[in-house]
């Protein structure tokens, strides 16, 4: 694992798996893959994803 060519995909996979675990544990909010906004409001007036409309 000395080569960055091997280490970078492994690191990206690890980050994606950790994000999925944190979202499923409700520690992080679920976000839209297209726009990056939340699906539901946490506070009044917050913008939410409208990609599915």
PDB file of N, CA and C in Angstrom:
ATOM      1  N   UNK A   1       0.820  -1.195   0.000  1.00  0.00           N
ATOM      2  CA  UNK A   1       0.000   0.000   0.000  1.00  0.00           C
ATOM      3  C   UNK A   1       0.866   1.262   0.000  1.00  0.00           C
ATOM      4  N   UNK A   2       2.023   1.175  -0.574  1.00  0.00           N
ATOM      5  CA  UNK A   2       2.881   2.351  -0.669  1.00  0.00           C
ATOM      6  C   UNK A   2       2.515   3.219  -1.861  1.00  0.00           C
ATOM      7  N   UNK A   3       1.823   2.660  -2.813  1.00  0.00           N
ATOM      8  CA  UNK A   3       1.479   3.383  -4.026  1.00  0.00           C
ATOM      9  C   UNK A   3       0.185   4.183  -3.827  1.00  0.00           C
ATOM     10  N   UNK A   4       0.178   5.466  -4.221  1.00  0.00           N
ATOM     11  CA  UNK A   4      -1.045   6.254  -4.105  1.00  0.00           C
ATOM     12  C   UNK A   4      -2.154   5.755  -5.027  1.00  0.00           C
ATOM     13  N   UNK A   5      -1.795   5.046  -6.083  1.00  0.00           N
ATOM     14  CA  UNK A   5      -2.789   4.510  -7.007  1.00  0.00           C
ATOM     15  C   UNK A   5      -3.641   3.454  -6.308  1.00  0.00           C
ATOM     16  N   UNK A   6      -3.065   2.706  -5.412  1.00  0.00           N
ATOM     17  CA  UNK A   6      -3.781   1.685  -4.661  1.00  0.00           C
ATOM     18  C   UNK A   6      -4.450   2.293  -3.432  1.00  0.00           C
ATOM     19  N   UNK A   7      -3.803   3.220  -2.783  1.00  0.00           N
ATOM     20  CA  UNK A   7      -4.301   3.787  -1.531  1.00  0.00           C
ATOM     21  C   UNK A   7      -5.508   4.697  -1.735  1.00  0.00           C
ATOM     22  N   UNK A   8      -5.573   5.433  -2.809  1.00  0.00           N
ATOM     23  CA  UNK A   8      -6.660   6.389  -3.026  1.00  0.00           C
ATOM     24  C   UNK A   8      -8.023   5.708  -3.185  1.00  0.00           C
ATOM     25  N   UNK A   9      -8.170   4.692  -4.025  1.00  0.00           N
ATOM     26  CA  UNK A   9      -9.479   4.021  -4.094  1.00  0.00           C
ATOM     27  C   UNK A   9      -9.881   3.370  -2.770  1.00  0.00           C
ATOM     28  N   UNK A  10      -8.926   2.818  -2.054  1.00  0.00           N
ATOM     29  CA  UNK A  10      -9.202   2.221  -0.748  1.00  0.00           C
ATOM     30  C   UNK A  10      -9.703   3.289   0.223  1.00  0.00           C
ATOM     31  N   UNK A  11      -9.096   4.449   0.224  1.00  0.00           N
ATOM     32  CA  UNK A  11      -9.500   5.547   1.095  1.00  0.00           C
ATOM     33  C   UNK A  11     -10.896   6.051   0.731  1.00  0.00           C
ATOM     34  N   UNK A  12     -11.189   6.178  -0.555  1.00  0.00           N
ATOM     35  CA  UNK A  12     -12.513   6.627  -0.998  1.00  0.00           C
ATOM     36  C   UNK A  12     -13.577   5.611  -0.593  1.00  0.00           C
ATOM     37  N   UNK A  13     -13.305   4.334  -0.742  1.00  0.00           N
ATOM     38  CA  UNK A  13     -14.239   3.289  -0.333  1.00  0.00           C
ATOM     39  C   UNK A  13     -14.486   3.353   1.167  1.00  0.00           C
ATOM     40  N   UNK A  14     -13.437   3.515   1.953  1.00  0.00           N
ATOM     41  CA  UNK A  14     -13.553   3.584   3.406  1.00  0.00           C
ATOM     42  C   UNK A  14     -14.393   4.784   3.827  1.00  0.00           C
ATOM     43  N   UNK A  15     -14.190   5.941   3.193  1.00  0.00           N
ATOM     44  CA  UNK A  15     -14.961   7.144   3.517  1.00  0.00           C
ATOM     45  C   UNK A  15     -16.431   6.942   3.167  1.00  0.00           C
ATOM     46  N   UNK A  16     -16.714   6.344   2.022  1.00  0.00           N
ATOM     47  CA  UNK A  16     -18.102   6.109   1.622  1.00  0.00           C
ATOM     48  C   UNK A  16     -18.810   5.148   2.576  1.00  0.00           C
ATOM     49  N   UNK A  17     -18.118   4.112   3.005  1.00  0.00           N
ATOM     50  CA  UNK A  17     -18.716   3.164   3.945  1.00  0.00           C
ATOM     51  C   UNK A  17     -18.968   3.805   5.308  1.00  0.00           C
ATOM     52  N   UNK A  18     -18.048   4.632   5.764  1.00  0.00           N
ATOM     53  CA  UNK A  18     -18.232   5.317   7.049  1.00  0.00           C
ATOM     54  C   UNK A  18     -19.396   6.291   6.969  1.00  0.00           C
ATOM     55  N   UNK A  19     -19.533   6.999   5.874  1.00  0.00           N
ATOM     56  CA  UNK A  19     -20.665   7.931   5.699  1.00  0.00           C
ATOM     57  C   UNK A  19     -21.986   7.163   5.720  1.00  0.00           C
ATOM     58  N   UNK A  20     -22.038   6.021   5.038  1.00  0.00           N
ATOM     59  CA  UNK A  20     -23.255   5.212   5.026  1.00  0.00           C
ATOM     60  C   UNK A  20     -23.608   4.712   6.426  1.00  0.00           C
ATOM     61  N   UNK A  21     -22.620   4.312   7.195  1.00  0.00           N
ATOM     62  CA  UNK A  21     -22.881   3.862   8.565  1.00  0.00           C
ATOM     63  C   UNK A  21     -23.381   5.001   9.448  1.00  0.00           C
ATOM     64  N   UNK A  22     -22.805   6.185   9.289  1.00  0.00           N
ATOM     65  CA  UNK A  22     -23.225   7.328  10.101  1.00  0.00           C
ATOM     66  C   UNK A  22     -24.622   7.805   9.722  1.00  0.00           C
ATOM     67  N   UNK A  23     -24.987   7.711   8.456  1.00  0.00           N
ATOM     68  CA  UNK A  23     -26.346   8.078   8.034  1.00  0.00           C
ATOM     69  C   UNK A  23     -27.340   7.051   8.561  1.00  0.00           C
ATOM     70  N   UNK A  24     -27.014   5.769   8.491  1.00  0.00           N
ATOM     71  CA  UNK A  24     -27.940   4.746   8.970  1.00  0.00           C
ATOM     72  C   UNK A  24     -28.104   4.787  10.491  1.00  0.00           C
ATOM     73  N   UNK A  25     -27.101   5.291  11.202  1.00  0.00           N
ATOM     74  CA  UNK A  25     -27.188   5.444  12.652  1.00  0.00           C
ATOM     75  C   UNK A  25     -27.845   6.772  13.044  1.00  0.00           C
ATOM     76  N   UNK A  26     -28.250   7.558  12.061  1.00  0.00           N
ATOM     77  CA  UNK A  26     -28.916   8.857  12.262  1.00  0.00           C
ATOM     78  C   UNK A  26     -28.009   9.868  12.956  1.00  0.00           C
ATOM     79  N   UNK A  27     -26.719   9.755  12.752  1.00  0.00           N
ATOM     80  CA  UNK A  27     -25.770  10.740  13.278  1.00  0.00           C
ATOM     81  C   UNK A  27     -25.590  11.857  12.259  1.00  0.00           C
ATOM     82  N   UNK A  28     -25.546  11.499  10.972  1.00  0.00           N
ATOM     83  CA  UNK A  28     -25.481  12.469   9.887  1.00  0.00           C
ATOM     84  C   UNK A  28     -26.799  12.440   9.120  1.00  0.00           C
ATOM     85  N   UNK A  29     -27.213  13.576   8.574  1.00  0.00           N
ATOM     86  CA  UNK A  29     -28.457  13.577   7.799  1.00  0.00           C
ATOM     87  C   UNK A  29     -28.241  13.000   6.401  1.00  0.00           C
ATOM     88  N   UNK A  30     -29.290  12.402   5.869  1.00  0.00           N
ATOM     89  CA  UNK A  30     -29.237  11.913   4.490  1.00  0.00           C
ATOM     90  C   UNK A  30     -29.276  13.103   3.544  1.00  0.00           C
ATOM     91  N   UNK A  31     -28.454  13.088   2.512  1.00  0.00           N
ATOM     92  CA  UNK A  31     -28.394  14.184   1.553  1.00  0.00           C
ATOM     93  C   UNK A  31     -28.570  13.659   0.138  1.00  0.00           C
ATOM     94  N   UNK A  32     -29.002  14.534  -0.733  1.00  0.00           N
ATOM     95  CA  UNK A  32     -29.212  14.200  -2.139  1.00  0.00           C
ATOM     96  C   UNK A  32     -27.856  14.038  -2.835  1.00  0.00           C
ATOM     97  N   UNK A  33     -27.739  13.019  -3.659  1.00  0.00           N
ATOM     98  CA  UNK A  33     -26.491  12.790  -4.389  1.00  0.00           C
ATOM     99  C   UNK A  33     -26.294  13.826  -5.488  1.00  0.00           C
ATOM    100  N   UNK A  34     -27.389  14.364  -6.034  1.00  0.00           N
ATOM    101  CA  UNK A  34     -27.294  15.317  -7.132  1.00  0.00           C
ATOM    102  C   UNK A  34     -26.947  16.728  -6.652  1.00  0.00           C
ATOM    103  N   UNK A  35     -27.691  17.232  -5.653  1.00  0.00           N
ATOM    104  CA  UNK A  35     -27.499  18.635  -5.249  1.00  0.00           C
ATOM    105  C   UNK A  35     -26.805  18.787  -3.900  1.00  0.00           C
ATOM    106  N   UNK A  36     -26.757  17.744  -3.074  1.00  0.00           N
ATOM    107  CA  UNK A  36     -26.079  17.808  -1.786  1.00  0.00           C
ATOM    108  C   UNK A  36     -26.908  18.405  -0.663  1.00  0.00           C
ATOM    109  N   UNK A  37     -28.172  18.730  -0.935  1.00  0.00           N
ATOM    110  CA  UNK A  37     -29.036  19.288   0.101  1.00  0.00           C
ATOM    111  C   UNK A  37     -29.743  18.170   0.858  1.00  0.00           C
ATOM    112  N   UNK A  38     -30.212  18.487   2.066  1.00  0.00           N
ATOM    113  CA  UNK A  38     -30.943  17.513   2.869  1.00  0.00           C
ATOM    114  C   UNK A  38     -32.299  17.227   2.250  1.00  0.00           C
ATOM    115  N   UNK A  39     -32.853  16.056   2.577  1.00  0.00           N
ATOM    116  CA  UNK A  39     -34.179  15.686   2.108  1.00  0.00           C
ATOM    117  C   UNK A  39     -35.273  16.309   2.968  1.00  0.00           C
ATOM    118  N   UNK A  40     -34.986  16.529   4.264  1.00  0.00           N
ATOM    119  CA  UNK A  40     -35.969  17.083   5.188  1.00  0.00           C
ATOM    120  C   UNK A  40     -35.375  18.269   5.914  1.00  0.00           C
ATOM    121  N   UNK A  41     -36.236  19.200   6.323  1.00  0.00           N
ATOM    122  CA  UNK A  41     -35.795  20.391   7.052  1.00  0.00           C
ATOM    123  C   UNK A  41     -35.438  20.048   8.494  1.00  0.00           C
ATOM    124  N   UNK A  42     -34.344  20.605   8.979  1.00  0.00           N
ATOM    125  CA  UNK A  42     -33.999  20.494  10.389  1.00  0.00           C
ATOM    126  C   UNK A  42     -34.495  21.735  11.128  1.00  0.00           C
ATOM    127  N   UNK A  43     -34.564  22.862  10.434  1.00  0.00           N
ATOM    128  CA  UNK A  43     -35.047  24.115  11.005  1.00  0.00           C
ATOM    129  C   UNK A  43     -35.993  24.767  10.000  1.00  0.00           C
ATOM    130  N   UNK A  44     -36.848  25.636  10.506  1.00  0.00           N
ATOM    131  CA  UNK A  44     -37.788  26.332   9.653  1.00  0.00           C
ATOM    132  C   UNK A  44     -37.051  27.239   8.674  1.00  0.00           C
ATOM    133  N   UNK A  45     -37.432  27.236   7.425  1.00  0.00           N
ATOM    134  CA  UNK A  45     -36.827  28.093   6.419  1.00  0.00           C
ATOM    135  C   UNK A  45     -35.609  27.516   5.734  1.00  0.00           C
ATOM    136  N   UNK A  46     -35.147  26.368   6.162  1.00  0.00           N
ATOM    137  CA  UNK A  46     -33.982  25.734   5.550  1.00  0.00           C
ATOM    138  C   UNK A  46     -34.361  25.186   4.173  1.00  0.00           C
ATOM    139  N   UNK A  47     -33.477  25.335   3.199  1.00  0.00           N
ATOM    140  CA  UNK A  47     -33.766  24.808   1.867  1.00  0.00           C
ATOM    141  C   UNK A  47     -33.575  23.295   1.858  1.00  0.00           C
ATOM    142  N   UNK A  48     -34.405  22.616   1.080  1.00  0.00           N
ATOM    143  CA  UNK A  48     -34.332  21.163   0.977  1.00  0.00           C
ATOM    144  C   UNK A  48     -34.224  20.765  -0.499  1.00  0.00           C
ATOM    145  N   UNK A  49     -33.925  19.537  -0.733  1.00  0.00           N
ATOM    146  CA  UNK A  49     -33.770  19.011  -2.087  1.00  0.00           C
ATOM    147  C   UNK A  49     -35.087  19.060  -2.838  1.00  0.00           C
ATOM    148  N   UNK A  50     -35.036  19.538  -4.058  1.00  0.00           N
ATOM    149  CA  UNK A  50     -36.231  19.546  -4.907  1.00  0.00           C
ATOM    150  C   UNK A  50     -35.934  18.860  -6.251  1.00  0.00           C
ATOM    151  N   UNK A  51     -34.968  17.986  -6.285  1.00  0.00           N
ATOM    152  CA  UNK A  51     -34.589  17.299  -7.521  1.00  0.00           C
ATOM    153  C   UNK A  51     -35.644  16.309  -7.980  1.00  0.00           C
ATOM    154  N   UNK A  52     -36.416  15.764  -7.073  1.00  0.00           N
ATOM    155  CA  UNK A  52     -37.391  14.725  -7.429  1.00  0.00           C
ATOM    156  C   UNK A  52     -38.696  15.317  -7.938  1.00  0.00           C
ATOM    157  N   UNK A  53     -38.839  16.605  -7.981  1.00  0.00           N
ATOM    158  CA  UNK A  53     -40.085  17.228  -8.447  1.00  0.00           C
ATOM    159  C   UNK A  53     -40.139  17.256  -9.946  1.00  0.00           C
TER     160      UNK A  53
END
